[in-house]
């Protein structure tokens, strides 16, 4: 979501909202909903988590630039950036989670 929203910001610009702040608000809301039924949640406000998402965004831009370059060199750059993206995604995937007790009654209610 974060990378997609930052590579296609037209909707957010048209609505007059900051793309990054919007994305993190969505992360907060979905985390609150998830806390109602799961004993773990992502620490989406942790600086390392935010840095990882921003790195994925930069890698996405670099992959697009390599595609536009074309040729064999562009393909090699594309593959290198794809590996960097996979490594960054893996780090985010294994990022430590917040643990918490489940509510006494497990059910999903609106968090906004």
N, C-alpha and C. Protein backbone atom coordinates (compact mmCIF):
# COMPACT_ATOMS: atom_id res chain seq x y z
N UNK A 1 0.83 -1.18 0.00
CA UNK A 1 0.00 0.00 0.00
C UNK A 1 0.88 1.25 0.00
N UNK A 2 1.84 1.28 0.90
CA UNK A 2 2.69 2.48 1.04
C UNK A 2 3.39 2.80 -0.28
N UNK A 3 4.03 1.80 -0.88
CA UNK A 3 4.77 2.02 -2.12
C UNK A 3 3.81 2.41 -3.24
N UNK A 4 2.70 1.68 -3.38
CA UNK A 4 1.73 1.98 -4.43
C UNK A 4 1.20 3.41 -4.30
N UNK A 5 0.83 3.80 -3.09
CA UNK A 5 0.28 5.14 -2.88
C UNK A 5 1.30 6.22 -3.21
N UNK A 6 2.57 5.96 -2.92
CA UNK A 6 3.60 6.97 -3.19
C UNK A 6 4.03 7.01 -4.65
N UNK A 7 3.81 5.93 -5.38
CA UNK A 7 4.15 5.95 -6.80
C UNK A 7 2.99 6.45 -7.66
N UNK A 8 1.79 6.48 -7.10
CA UNK A 8 0.61 7.00 -7.81
C UNK A 8 -0.16 7.94 -6.89
N UNK A 9 0.39 9.12 -6.64
CA UNK A 9 -0.20 10.01 -5.63
C UNK A 9 -1.37 10.87 -6.09
N UNK A 10 -1.85 10.71 -7.31
CA UNK A 10 -2.86 11.62 -7.86
C UNK A 10 -4.11 11.71 -6.98
N UNK A 11 -4.59 10.59 -6.45
CA UNK A 11 -5.79 10.61 -5.62
C UNK A 11 -5.57 11.46 -4.37
N UNK A 12 -4.44 11.24 -3.71
CA UNK A 12 -4.17 11.97 -2.47
C UNK A 12 -3.96 13.47 -2.73
N UNK A 13 -3.33 13.78 -3.85
CA UNK A 13 -3.15 15.19 -4.22
C UNK A 13 -4.52 15.81 -4.48
N UNK A 14 -5.37 15.10 -5.21
CA UNK A 14 -6.71 15.62 -5.52
C UNK A 14 -7.53 15.84 -4.26
N UNK A 15 -7.35 14.98 -3.25
CA UNK A 15 -8.10 15.12 -2.01
C UNK A 15 -7.42 16.09 -1.04
N UNK A 16 -6.20 16.51 -1.38
CA UNK A 16 -5.50 17.47 -0.53
C UNK A 16 -4.97 16.87 0.76
N UNK A 17 -4.60 15.59 0.74
CA UNK A 17 -4.07 14.94 1.94
C UNK A 17 -2.64 14.46 1.69
N UNK A 18 -1.89 14.38 2.76
CA UNK A 18 -0.52 13.90 2.69
C UNK A 18 -0.53 12.37 2.58
N UNK A 19 0.11 11.85 1.57
CA UNK A 19 0.09 10.41 1.31
C UNK A 19 0.66 9.62 2.48
N UNK A 20 1.79 10.05 3.01
CA UNK A 20 2.43 9.31 4.10
C UNK A 20 1.54 9.31 5.34
N UNK A 21 1.03 10.46 5.70
CA UNK A 21 0.18 10.53 6.90
C UNK A 21 -1.09 9.70 6.72
N UNK A 22 -1.66 9.74 5.52
CA UNK A 22 -2.85 8.93 5.24
C UNK A 22 -2.53 7.44 5.42
N UNK A 23 -1.42 6.99 4.84
CA UNK A 23 -1.06 5.58 4.93
C UNK A 23 -0.87 5.15 6.38
N UNK A 24 -0.18 5.97 7.17
CA UNK A 24 0.04 5.58 8.55
C UNK A 24 -1.22 5.66 9.39
N UNK A 25 -2.16 6.51 9.01
CA UNK A 25 -3.46 6.51 9.69
C UNK A 25 -4.20 5.21 9.39
N UNK A 26 -4.13 4.76 8.14
CA UNK A 26 -4.75 3.48 7.78
C UNK A 26 -4.07 2.35 8.56
N UNK A 27 -2.75 2.38 8.67
CA UNK A 27 -2.04 1.36 9.46
C UNK A 27 -2.52 1.36 10.91
N UNK A 28 -2.69 2.55 11.49
CA UNK A 28 -3.15 2.64 12.89
C UNK A 28 -4.55 2.05 13.05
N UNK A 29 -5.45 2.40 12.14
CA UNK A 29 -6.83 1.91 12.22
C UNK A 29 -6.87 0.39 12.06
N UNK A 30 -6.17 -0.13 11.06
CA UNK A 30 -6.21 -1.58 10.86
C UNK A 30 -5.51 -2.31 12.01
N UNK A 31 -4.50 -1.71 12.60
CA UNK A 31 -3.85 -2.33 13.76
C UNK A 31 -4.81 -2.38 14.94
N UNK A 32 -5.58 -1.33 15.15
CA UNK A 32 -6.56 -1.33 16.23
C UNK A 32 -7.62 -2.41 16.01
N UNK A 33 -8.05 -2.57 14.79
CA UNK A 33 -9.03 -3.61 14.48
C UNK A 33 -8.40 -4.99 14.71
N UNK A 34 -7.18 -5.17 14.24
CA UNK A 34 -6.50 -6.47 14.39
C UNK A 34 -6.27 -6.81 15.86
N UNK A 35 -6.01 -5.81 16.70
CA UNK A 35 -5.79 -6.06 18.13
C UNK A 35 -7.00 -6.68 18.79
N UNK A 36 -8.16 -6.52 18.19
CA UNK A 36 -9.39 -7.07 18.77
C UNK A 36 -9.46 -8.58 18.63
N UNK A 37 -8.70 -9.15 17.71
CA UNK A 37 -8.79 -10.59 17.47
C UNK A 37 -7.45 -11.32 17.42
N UNK A 38 -6.34 -10.59 17.44
CA UNK A 38 -5.02 -11.21 17.38
C UNK A 38 -4.18 -10.74 18.57
N UNK A 39 -3.34 -11.62 19.12
CA UNK A 39 -2.53 -11.24 20.28
C UNK A 39 -1.24 -10.49 19.93
N UNK A 40 -1.01 -10.22 18.66
CA UNK A 40 0.16 -9.45 18.23
C UNK A 40 -0.28 -8.40 17.21
N UNK A 41 0.50 -7.33 17.13
CA UNK A 41 0.25 -6.31 16.11
C UNK A 41 1.58 -5.70 15.69
N UNK A 42 1.59 -5.12 14.52
CA UNK A 42 2.80 -4.49 14.01
C UNK A 42 3.04 -3.16 14.72
N UNK A 43 4.29 -2.85 14.94
CA UNK A 43 4.66 -1.55 15.51
C UNK A 43 4.91 -0.60 14.33
N UNK A 44 3.83 -0.14 13.73
CA UNK A 44 3.93 0.66 12.50
C UNK A 44 4.49 2.06 12.74
N UNK A 45 4.56 2.50 13.98
CA UNK A 45 5.12 3.81 14.27
C UNK A 45 6.61 3.76 14.61
N UNK A 46 7.18 2.56 14.65
CA UNK A 46 8.60 2.41 14.95
C UNK A 46 9.41 3.03 13.80
N UNK A 47 10.43 3.83 14.11
CA UNK A 47 11.23 4.47 13.05
C UNK A 47 11.84 3.48 12.05
N UNK A 48 12.24 2.30 12.51
CA UNK A 48 12.82 1.31 11.59
C UNK A 48 11.78 0.77 10.61
N UNK A 49 10.54 0.63 11.07
CA UNK A 49 9.47 0.16 10.19
C UNK A 49 9.22 1.22 9.11
N UNK A 50 9.13 2.46 9.54
CA UNK A 50 8.92 3.56 8.58
C UNK A 50 10.08 3.65 7.58
N UNK A 51 11.30 3.49 8.08
CA UNK A 51 12.47 3.56 7.20
C UNK A 51 12.45 2.42 6.18
N UNK A 52 12.01 1.24 6.61
CA UNK A 52 11.91 0.11 5.69
C UNK A 52 10.91 0.36 4.58
N UNK A 53 9.78 0.95 4.91
CA UNK A 53 8.79 1.27 3.88
C UNK A 53 9.33 2.32 2.91
N UNK A 54 10.03 3.31 3.45
CA UNK A 54 10.60 4.34 2.59
C UNK A 54 11.68 3.74 1.69
N UNK A 55 12.45 2.79 2.22
CA UNK A 55 13.46 2.12 1.40
C UNK A 55 12.78 1.34 0.27
N UNK A 56 11.68 0.65 0.56
CA UNK A 56 10.95 -0.05 -0.50
C UNK A 56 10.47 0.92 -1.57
N UNK A 57 10.06 2.10 -1.16
CA UNK A 57 9.62 3.12 -2.12
C UNK A 57 10.78 3.54 -3.02
N UNK A 58 11.95 3.80 -2.43
CA UNK A 58 13.12 4.19 -3.22
C UNK A 58 13.54 3.06 -4.17
N UNK A 59 13.47 1.82 -3.68
CA UNK A 59 13.82 0.67 -4.53
C UNK A 59 12.85 0.55 -5.70
N UNK A 60 11.57 0.78 -5.44
CA UNK A 60 10.57 0.75 -6.51
C UNK A 60 10.90 1.78 -7.58
N UNK A 61 11.27 2.99 -7.16
CA UNK A 61 11.67 4.02 -8.12
C UNK A 61 12.89 3.59 -8.92
N UNK A 62 13.87 2.98 -8.23
CA UNK A 62 15.08 2.53 -8.91
C UNK A 62 14.77 1.42 -9.92
N UNK A 63 13.87 0.52 -9.58
CA UNK A 63 13.47 -0.54 -10.53
C UNK A 63 12.81 0.08 -11.75
N UNK A 64 11.93 1.05 -11.54
CA UNK A 64 11.28 1.71 -12.67
C UNK A 64 12.28 2.44 -13.55
N UNK A 65 13.28 3.07 -12.94
CA UNK A 65 14.33 3.74 -13.72
C UNK A 65 15.14 2.72 -14.53
N UNK A 66 15.43 1.57 -13.93
CA UNK A 66 16.19 0.53 -14.63
C UNK A 66 15.37 -0.02 -15.80
N UNK A 67 14.07 -0.19 -15.62
CA UNK A 67 13.20 -0.64 -16.71
C UNK A 67 13.22 0.36 -17.85
N UNK A 68 13.15 1.64 -17.51
CA UNK A 68 13.15 2.69 -18.53
C UNK A 68 14.48 2.74 -19.26
N UNK A 69 15.56 2.39 -18.59
CA UNK A 69 16.89 2.39 -19.21
C UNK A 69 16.97 1.33 -20.29
N UNK A 70 16.31 0.19 -20.04
CA UNK A 70 16.35 -0.89 -21.02
C UNK A 70 17.73 -1.52 -21.10
N UNK A 71 18.00 -2.23 -22.12
CA UNK A 71 19.26 -2.90 -22.41
C UNK A 71 19.61 -3.93 -21.34
N UNK A 72 20.71 -4.60 -21.55
CA UNK A 72 21.17 -5.63 -20.63
C UNK A 72 21.54 -5.01 -19.28
N UNK A 73 22.15 -3.86 -19.31
CA UNK A 73 22.55 -3.18 -18.06
C UNK A 73 21.31 -2.84 -17.24
N UNK A 74 20.27 -2.38 -17.89
CA UNK A 74 19.02 -2.07 -17.20
C UNK A 74 18.41 -3.32 -16.56
N UNK A 75 18.48 -4.45 -17.28
CA UNK A 75 17.96 -5.71 -16.73
C UNK A 75 18.76 -6.16 -15.51
N UNK A 76 20.08 -6.00 -15.57
CA UNK A 76 20.92 -6.38 -14.43
C UNK A 76 20.61 -5.49 -13.23
N UNK A 77 20.48 -4.18 -13.48
CA UNK A 77 20.12 -3.26 -12.39
C UNK A 77 18.76 -3.62 -11.80
N UNK A 78 17.83 -3.94 -12.69
CA UNK A 78 16.49 -4.33 -12.25
C UNK A 78 16.55 -5.54 -11.32
N UNK A 79 17.33 -6.54 -11.70
CA UNK A 79 17.46 -7.75 -10.88
C UNK A 79 18.11 -7.43 -9.53
N UNK A 80 19.13 -6.59 -9.55
CA UNK A 80 19.79 -6.20 -8.31
C UNK A 80 18.84 -5.47 -7.36
N UNK A 81 18.08 -4.54 -7.92
CA UNK A 81 17.12 -3.80 -7.09
C UNK A 81 16.00 -4.71 -6.60
N UNK A 82 15.60 -5.69 -7.42
CA UNK A 82 14.57 -6.64 -6.99
C UNK A 82 15.07 -7.46 -5.80
N UNK A 83 16.33 -7.86 -5.83
CA UNK A 83 16.90 -8.58 -4.69
C UNK A 83 16.95 -7.69 -3.45
N UNK A 84 17.31 -6.43 -3.64
CA UNK A 84 17.34 -5.50 -2.51
C UNK A 84 15.93 -5.32 -1.95
N UNK A 85 14.94 -5.26 -2.83
CA UNK A 85 13.55 -5.14 -2.39
C UNK A 85 13.10 -6.36 -1.61
N UNK A 86 13.48 -7.54 -2.09
CA UNK A 86 13.11 -8.78 -1.40
C UNK A 86 13.75 -8.83 -0.01
N UNK A 87 15.00 -8.41 0.08
CA UNK A 87 15.69 -8.40 1.39
C UNK A 87 15.03 -7.40 2.33
N UNK A 88 14.68 -6.24 1.83
CA UNK A 88 14.01 -5.23 2.67
C UNK A 88 12.65 -5.73 3.12
N UNK A 89 11.91 -6.34 2.21
CA UNK A 89 10.60 -6.89 2.56
C UNK A 89 10.75 -7.98 3.62
N UNK A 90 11.76 -8.83 3.48
CA UNK A 90 11.99 -9.89 4.46
C UNK A 90 12.29 -9.30 5.83
N UNK A 91 13.09 -8.23 5.87
CA UNK A 91 13.37 -7.58 7.16
C UNK A 91 12.09 -7.03 7.77
N UNK A 92 11.23 -6.44 6.96
CA UNK A 92 9.96 -5.93 7.47
C UNK A 92 9.06 -7.07 7.93
N UNK A 93 9.08 -8.16 7.20
CA UNK A 93 8.23 -9.31 7.53
C UNK A 93 8.61 -9.89 8.89
N UNK A 94 9.90 -9.88 9.19
CA UNK A 94 10.36 -10.44 10.46
C UNK A 94 10.59 -9.37 11.52
N UNK A 95 10.06 -8.18 11.31
CA UNK A 95 10.17 -7.09 12.27
C UNK A 95 9.47 -7.49 13.58
N UNK A 96 10.06 -7.19 14.73
CA UNK A 96 9.41 -7.56 16.00
C UNK A 96 8.00 -6.97 16.10
N UNK A 97 7.13 -7.73 16.73
CA UNK A 97 5.74 -7.31 16.88
C UNK A 97 5.47 -6.86 18.31
N UNK A 98 4.37 -6.16 18.49
CA UNK A 98 3.91 -5.81 19.83
C UNK A 98 3.00 -6.95 20.30
N UNK A 99 3.23 -7.41 21.50
CA UNK A 99 2.38 -8.46 22.06
C UNK A 99 1.43 -7.82 23.07
N UNK A 100 0.21 -8.31 23.10
CA UNK A 100 -0.79 -7.78 24.03
C UNK A 100 -1.83 -8.85 24.30
N UNK A 101 -2.53 -8.66 25.38
CA UNK A 101 -3.60 -9.60 25.73
C UNK A 101 -4.81 -9.35 24.85
N UNK A 102 -5.50 -10.44 24.55
CA UNK A 102 -6.74 -10.30 23.81
C UNK A 102 -7.81 -9.73 24.74
N UNK A 103 -8.76 -8.99 24.19
CA UNK A 103 -9.85 -8.52 25.04
C UNK A 103 -10.66 -9.71 25.57
N UNK A 104 -11.40 -9.48 26.65
CA UNK A 104 -12.20 -10.56 27.24
C UNK A 104 -13.20 -11.11 26.23
N UNK A 105 -13.78 -10.23 25.44
CA UNK A 105 -14.71 -10.67 24.40
C UNK A 105 -14.05 -10.38 23.04
N UNK A 106 -13.71 -11.44 22.31
CA UNK A 106 -13.06 -11.28 21.02
C UNK A 106 -14.12 -11.06 19.96
N UNK A 107 -14.12 -9.86 19.40
CA UNK A 107 -15.04 -9.52 18.31
C UNK A 107 -14.49 -8.28 17.65
N UNK A 108 -14.90 -8.07 16.45
CA UNK A 108 -14.41 -6.93 15.69
C UNK A 108 -15.44 -5.81 15.71
N UNK A 109 -15.01 -4.64 16.15
CA UNK A 109 -15.87 -3.45 16.15
C UNK A 109 -15.09 -2.33 15.46
N UNK A 110 -15.79 -1.35 14.88
CA UNK A 110 -15.10 -0.26 14.21
C UNK A 110 -14.11 0.43 15.15
N UNK A 111 -12.96 0.80 14.58
CA UNK A 111 -11.92 1.46 15.38
C UNK A 111 -11.81 2.94 15.04
N UNK A 112 -12.70 3.45 14.24
CA UNK A 112 -12.62 4.87 13.87
C UNK A 112 -13.89 5.58 14.20
